């Protein structure tokens, strides 16, 4: 009995060591991001805007689609911090609700594209053979299509609405996550802890999603931040073109589009544009900070 216990303890040591390395990698990345002023600034911007968007019902006193008689195209004031639009609607509430719509679309899109893409990439990088060939040729074909045109084509077939916009953007994000997931699998699949897991009889699914996935997570977090920024930008572009969120529901793109004919009222386009710019800036700063934290040359310096 003592021999078997010793053998089990010895065989499980590589897996415990791999888990310790994994935890230290994630915590070291988080620590380096929080020590980086660029990462802190990006995190503050992103978290602040996310809280403002999802707490819009608590922060606003006007309905975003309600028309308030006698307040057409007013400038910023105590009652209307961002002013009003040509239909006498409060721009502050419309901006926050539009920001929330963009956040929801980007989160769902990255969730769909990231989950499907990373799973397909991991499977392709681990299995090899015909499965890898079929998956990656499909990914290459999707990469040949511009994301905005692909989203327009999907929305033309499915119609407008937040759900369809999120689905279209998720499909567009799929190939980038798939290629990055495959690269992570190829890099991590040759390491000793994967061999130790195989020797101990771990299944393919356990090796992929329990051991390799966590080690390949930091680069995927960078891609997730960049994909969220791209999704917000494309969603705003679709709203600007009038094929995104169904009116009268607000979105940042539709607000900026509505301001085109009201350039004599600068408050109309400044505040929605500023919200969009700050969110994109925060996501890019956060992605750069995570990228620096993962850079071995920067870590040695």
Protein backbone atom coordinates (compact mmCIF):
# COMPACT_ATOMS: atom_id res chain seq x y z
CA UNK A 1 0.00 0.00 0.00
CA UNK A 2 2.82 2.40 0.81
CA UNK A 3 4.45 1.71 -2.56
CA UNK A 4 1.23 2.58 -4.43
CA UNK A 5 0.76 5.77 -2.42
CA UNK A 6 4.33 6.82 -3.16
CA UNK A 7 3.89 6.11 -6.86
CA UNK A 8 0.68 8.12 -7.03
CA UNK A 9 2.26 11.06 -5.23
CA UNK A 10 5.28 11.00 -7.53
CA UNK A 11 3.18 10.72 -10.71
CA UNK A 12 0.92 13.61 -9.75
CA UNK A 13 3.83 15.92 -8.97
CA UNK A 14 4.23 17.17 -12.60
CA UNK A 15 0.55 18.09 -12.74
CA UNK A 16 0.75 19.99 -9.44
CA UNK A 17 3.85 21.79 -10.69
CA UNK A 18 2.09 22.65 -13.95
CA UNK A 19 -0.89 24.03 -12.02
CA UNK A 20 1.47 26.12 -9.89
CA UNK A 21 3.14 27.54 -12.99
CA UNK A 22 -0.27 28.30 -14.48
CA UNK A 23 -1.46 30.15 -11.38
CA UNK A 24 1.75 32.11 -11.15
CA UNK A 25 1.51 33.11 -14.82
CA UNK A 26 -2.02 34.45 -14.45
CA UNK A 27 -1.33 36.24 -11.18
CA UNK A 28 1.96 37.64 -12.49
CA UNK A 29 0.17 39.00 -15.56
CA UNK A 30 -2.52 40.63 -13.42
CA UNK A 31 0.07 42.07 -11.05
CA UNK A 32 2.13 43.53 -13.91
CA UNK A 33 -0.99 45.07 -15.49
CA UNK A 34 -1.92 46.75 -12.19
CA UNK A 35 1.65 48.05 -11.79
CA UNK A 36 1.60 49.55 -15.28
CA UNK A 37 0.13 53.11 -15.36
CA UNK A 38 -1.19 52.40 -18.84
CA UNK A 39 -2.97 49.29 -17.58
CA UNK A 40 -4.45 51.12 -14.60
CA UNK A 41 -5.69 53.96 -16.83
CA UNK A 42 -7.24 51.50 -19.27
CA UNK A 43 -8.85 49.50 -16.46
CA UNK A 44 -10.32 52.65 -14.87
CA UNK A 45 -11.76 53.84 -18.19
CA UNK A 46 -13.24 50.47 -19.11
CA UNK A 47 -14.68 49.70 -15.67
CA UNK A 48 -16.03 53.24 -15.29
CA UNK A 49 -17.81 53.18 -18.63
CA UNK A 50 -19.10 49.64 -18.12
CA UNK A 51 -20.56 50.63 -14.74
CA UNK A 52 -22.06 53.79 -16.26
CA UNK A 53 -23.61 51.83 -19.12
CA UNK A 54 -25.12 49.03 -17.07
CA UNK A 55 -26.27 51.41 -14.32
CA UNK A 56 -27.94 53.75 -16.83
CA UNK A 57 -31.43 53.32 -15.28
CA UNK A 58 -30.02 54.48 -11.94
CA UNK A 59 -27.98 57.38 -13.31
CA UNK A 60 -30.59 58.93 -15.59
CA UNK A 61 -33.88 60.59 -14.76
CA UNK A 62 -35.36 60.60 -18.29
CA UNK A 63 -36.52 57.82 -20.57
CA UNK A 64 -34.13 57.56 -23.55
CA UNK A 65 -36.99 57.51 -26.07
CA UNK A 66 -39.34 59.93 -24.33
CA UNK A 67 -39.93 63.27 -26.07
CA UNK A 68 -39.95 66.18 -23.64
CA UNK A 69 -42.02 69.00 -25.12
CA UNK A 70 -40.41 72.43 -25.30
CA UNK A 71 -36.77 71.31 -25.02
CA UNK A 72 -35.74 70.79 -28.65
CA UNK A 73 -31.96 70.97 -29.31
CA UNK A 74 -31.13 72.54 -25.96
CA UNK A 75 -27.53 72.76 -24.85
CA UNK A 76 -26.13 71.12 -21.72
CA UNK A 77 -27.83 72.21 -18.52
CA UNK A 78 -28.54 70.93 -15.02
CA UNK A 79 -31.72 69.22 -16.19
CA UNK A 80 -30.09 67.84 -19.36
CA UNK A 81 -26.31 67.36 -18.78
CA UNK A 82 -25.66 66.47 -22.46
CA UNK A 83 -28.46 68.60 -23.91
CA UNK A 84 -31.32 67.32 -26.07
CA UNK A 85 -31.75 66.20 -29.69
CA UNK A 86 -34.08 67.37 -32.46
CA UNK A 87 -36.90 65.26 -31.01
CA UNK A 88 -36.51 66.78 -27.52
CA UNK A 89 -35.01 63.59 -26.08
CA UNK A 90 -32.41 63.65 -23.31
CA UNK A 91 -28.98 62.98 -24.82
CA UNK A 92 -27.45 61.98 -21.49
CA UNK A 93 -29.81 59.04 -21.07
CA UNK A 94 -29.58 58.17 -24.76
CA UNK A 95 -25.78 58.16 -24.59
CA UNK A 96 -25.68 55.89 -21.53
CA UNK A 97 -28.30 53.52 -22.94
CA UNK A 98 -26.48 53.54 -26.30
CA UNK A 99 -23.23 52.75 -24.49
CA UNK A 100 -24.96 49.86 -22.72
CA UNK A 101 -26.22 48.51 -26.05
CA UNK A 102 -22.70 48.67 -27.51
CA UNK A 103 -21.27 46.93 -24.44
CA UNK A 104 -23.85 44.15 -24.57
CA UNK A 105 -23.22 43.59 -28.26
CA UNK A 106 -19.43 43.51 -27.82
CA UNK A 107 -19.56 41.15 -24.82
CA UNK A 108 -21.95 38.71 -26.52
CA UNK A 109 -20.03 38.90 -29.81
CA UNK A 110 -16.66 38.20 -28.15
CA UNK A 111 -18.28 35.44 -26.09
CA UNK A 112 -19.68 33.74 -29.18
CA UNK A 113 -16.64 34.24 -31.41
CA UNK A 114 -14.14 33.51 -28.65
CA UNK A 115 -15.81 30.33 -27.42
CA UNK A 116 -16.31 28.85 -30.87
CA UNK A 117 -12.99 30.07 -32.25
CA UNK A 118 -10.80 28.97 -29.32
CA UNK A 119 -12.50 25.57 -29.16
CA UNK A 120 -12.01 25.01 -32.90
CA UNK A 121 -8.40 26.21 -32.70
CA UNK A 122 -7.56 23.99 -29.74
CA UNK A 123 -9.10 20.94 -31.41
CA UNK A 124 -7.28 21.65 -34.69
CA UNK A 125 -3.93 22.14 -32.94
CA UNK A 126 -4.25 19.01 -30.82
CA UNK A 127 -5.82 16.50 -33.22
CA UNK A 128 -3.93 17.41 -36.45
CA UNK A 129 -4.60 15.49 -39.66
CA UNK A 130 -7.71 16.02 -41.81
CA UNK A 131 -9.63 17.64 -38.94
CA UNK A 132 -7.03 20.40 -38.65
CA UNK A 133 -6.95 20.88 -42.42
CA UNK A 134 -10.73 21.27 -42.73
CA UNK A 135 -11.00 23.65 -39.77
CA UNK A 136 -8.12 25.90 -40.75
CA UNK A 137 -9.11 26.11 -44.43
CA UNK A 138 -12.57 27.23 -43.30
CA UNK A 139 -10.93 29.81 -41.02
CA UNK A 140 -8.74 31.06 -43.87
CA UNK A 141 -11.79 31.46 -46.09
CA UNK A 142 -13.53 33.54 -43.40
CA UNK A 143 -10.44 35.72 -42.92
CA UNK A 144 -10.69 36.69 -46.59
CA UNK A 145 -14.01 38.46 -45.89
CA UNK A 146 -13.85 41.98 -44.36
CA UNK A 147 -15.59 42.03 -41.00
CA UNK A 148 -17.87 44.97 -41.74
CA UNK A 149 -19.04 43.55 -45.07
CA UNK A 150 -19.65 40.16 -43.47
CA UNK A 151 -21.73 41.80 -40.73
CA UNK A 152 -23.74 43.77 -43.32
CA UNK A 153 -24.42 40.57 -45.30
CA UNK A 154 -25.57 38.68 -42.19
CA UNK A 155 -27.82 41.55 -41.07
CA UNK A 156 -29.29 41.78 -44.58
CA UNK A 157 -30.31 38.14 -44.24
CA UNK A 158 -31.41 38.17 -40.59
CA UNK A 159 -32.67 41.72 -40.13
CA UNK A 160 -31.92 44.43 -37.57
CA UNK A 161 -31.72 43.99 -33.80
CA UNK A 162 -29.13 43.70 -31.05
CA UNK A 163 -29.19 39.89 -31.13
CA UNK A 164 -28.49 39.73 -34.86
CA UNK A 165 -25.76 42.38 -34.61
CA UNK A 166 -24.05 40.40 -31.81
CA UNK A 167 -24.32 37.17 -33.83
CA UNK A 168 -22.89 38.83 -36.94
CA UNK A 169 -19.95 40.31 -35.01
CA UNK A 170 -19.34 37.01 -33.21
CA UNK A 171 -19.10 35.18 -36.53
CA UNK A 172 -16.66 37.82 -37.73
CA UNK A 173 -14.48 37.41 -34.61
CA UNK A 174 -14.40 33.60 -34.89
CA UNK A 175 -11.41 33.14 -37.27
CA UNK A 176 -8.96 35.29 -35.27
CA UNK A 177 -9.65 33.40 -32.07
CA UNK A 178 -9.36 30.10 -33.96
CA UNK A 179 -5.90 30.91 -35.31
CA UNK A 180 -4.70 32.18 -31.94
CA UNK A 181 -6.12 29.13 -30.16
CA UNK A 182 -4.37 26.78 -32.59
CA UNK A 183 -1.07 28.64 -32.14
CA UNK A 184 -1.40 28.37 -28.35
CA UNK A 185 -2.15 24.67 -28.59
CA UNK A 186 0.85 24.02 -30.83
CA UNK A 187 3.12 25.97 -28.46
CA UNK A 188 1.84 24.35 -25.25
CA UNK A 189 1.19 20.88 -26.64
CA UNK A 190 4.92 20.05 -26.77
CA UNK A 191 5.59 20.91 -23.11
CA UNK A 192 6.36 18.39 -20.40
CA UNK A 193 3.17 18.87 -18.38
CA UNK A 194 1.09 17.76 -21.40
CA UNK A 195 3.24 14.62 -21.69
CA UNK A 196 2.79 14.00 -17.95
CA UNK A 197 -0.99 14.32 -18.30
CA UNK A 198 -0.99 11.84 -21.18
CA UNK A 199 1.10 9.36 -19.18
CA UNK A 200 -1.39 9.60 -16.32
CA UNK A 201 -4.21 8.75 -18.73
CA UNK A 202 -5.92 12.14 -18.95
CA UNK A 203 -8.46 12.41 -21.75
CA UNK A 204 -8.03 14.75 -24.70
CA UNK A 205 -10.76 17.05 -23.47
CA UNK A 206 -9.14 17.31 -20.02
CA UNK A 207 -5.71 18.05 -21.47
CA UNK A 208 -7.08 20.69 -23.82
CA UNK A 209 -9.48 22.52 -21.53
CA UNK A 210 -7.97 21.87 -18.08
CA UNK A 211 -4.22 22.16 -18.65
CA UNK A 212 -3.43 23.78 -22.00
CA UNK A 213 -6.31 26.27 -22.04
CA UNK A 214 -5.25 28.03 -18.85
CA UNK A 215 -1.64 28.35 -19.98
CA UNK A 216 -2.76 29.78 -23.34
CA UNK A 217 -5.24 32.18 -21.73
CA UNK A 218 -3.20 35.43 -21.41
CA UNK A 219 -2.70 35.99 -25.17
CA UNK A 220 -6.38 35.22 -25.68
CA UNK A 221 -7.24 37.94 -23.15
CA UNK A 222 -5.32 40.45 -25.27
CA UNK A 223 -7.27 39.34 -28.33
CA UNK A 224 -10.53 39.53 -26.39
CA UNK A 225 -9.87 43.17 -25.43
CA UNK A 226 -8.95 44.07 -29.00
CA UNK A 227 -11.98 42.19 -30.35
CA UNK A 228 -14.28 44.04 -27.94
CA UNK A 229 -12.90 47.35 -29.21
CA UNK A 230 -13.39 46.21 -32.80
CA UNK A 231 -16.92 44.99 -32.04
CA UNK A 232 -17.90 48.33 -30.48
CA UNK A 233 -16.45 50.16 -33.46
CA UNK A 234 -18.21 47.95 -36.02
CA UNK A 235 -21.49 48.12 -34.07
CA UNK A 236 -21.23 51.91 -34.08
CA UNK A 237 -20.48 51.82 -37.81
CA UNK A 238 -23.57 49.68 -38.41
CA UNK A 239 -25.65 52.09 -36.32
CA UNK A 240 -24.20 55.00 -38.31
CA UNK A 241 -25.26 53.25 -41.52
CA UNK A 242 -28.75 52.70 -40.10
CA UNK A 243 -28.65 48.88 -40.12
CA UNK A 244 -27.69 48.20 -36.51
CA UNK A 245 -29.95 48.77 -33.54
CA UNK A 246 -33.59 49.26 -34.48
CA UNK A 247 -34.79 52.85 -33.87
CA UNK A 248 -35.88 54.53 -31.67
CA UNK A 249 -33.59 52.49 -29.39
CA UNK A 250 -30.33 54.43 -29.02
CA UNK A 251 -26.83 53.34 -29.96
CA UNK A 252 -23.63 55.35 -30.15
CA UNK A 253 -23.48 54.97 -33.92
CA UNK A 254 -27.05 56.09 -34.47
CA UNK A 255 -26.52 59.10 -32.20
CA UNK A 256 -23.46 60.18 -34.17
CA UNK A 257 -25.34 59.58 -37.40
CA UNK A 258 -28.23 61.74 -36.20
CA UNK A 259 -25.81 64.57 -35.42
CA UNK A 260 -24.65 64.86 -39.03
CA UNK A 261 -27.45 67.26 -39.90
CA UNK A 262 -27.02 69.20 -36.63
CA UNK A 263 -23.41 70.35 -36.76
CA UNK A 264 -24.54 73.71 -35.41
CA UNK A 265 -25.32 71.88 -32.13
CA UNK A 266 -21.89 70.51 -31.14
CA UNK A 267 -23.18 68.89 -27.96
CA UNK A 268 -25.15 66.47 -30.14
CA UNK A 269 -22.08 64.65 -31.47
CA UNK A 270 -19.38 65.53 -28.92
CA UNK A 271 -20.70 63.49 -25.99
CA UNK A 272 -21.61 60.24 -27.85
CA UNK A 273 -18.33 60.48 -29.78
CA UNK A 274 -16.39 61.08 -26.56
CA UNK A 275 -17.99 58.04 -24.89
CA UNK A 276 -17.07 55.88 -27.88
CA UNK A 277 -13.51 57.25 -28.04
CA UNK A 278 -12.87 56.80 -24.31
CA UNK A 279 -14.10 53.20 -24.33
CA UNK A 280 -11.95 52.30 -27.33
CA UNK A 281 -8.97 54.05 -25.73
CA UNK A 282 -9.45 52.15 -22.47
CA UNK A 283 -9.66 48.78 -24.19
CA UNK A 284 -6.54 49.45 -26.26
CA UNK A 285 -4.57 50.65 -23.23
CA UNK A 286 -5.62 47.54 -21.32
CA UNK A 287 -4.67 45.27 -24.22
CA UNK A 288 -1.26 46.95 -24.54
CA UNK A 289 -0.64 46.56 -20.81
CA UNK A 290 -1.48 42.83 -20.92
CA UNK A 291 0.74 42.45 -23.99
CA UNK A 292 3.64 44.12 -22.18
CA UNK A 293 3.09 41.92 -19.13
CA UNK A 294 3.40 38.83 -21.35
CA UNK A 295 6.46 40.09 -23.25
CA UNK A 296 9.52 38.16 -21.92
CA UNK A 297 11.92 40.95 -22.94
CA UNK A 298 9.87 43.54 -21.02
CA UNK A 299 9.66 41.17 -18.02
CA UNK A 300 13.46 40.78 -17.93
CA UNK A 301 13.89 44.57 -18.08
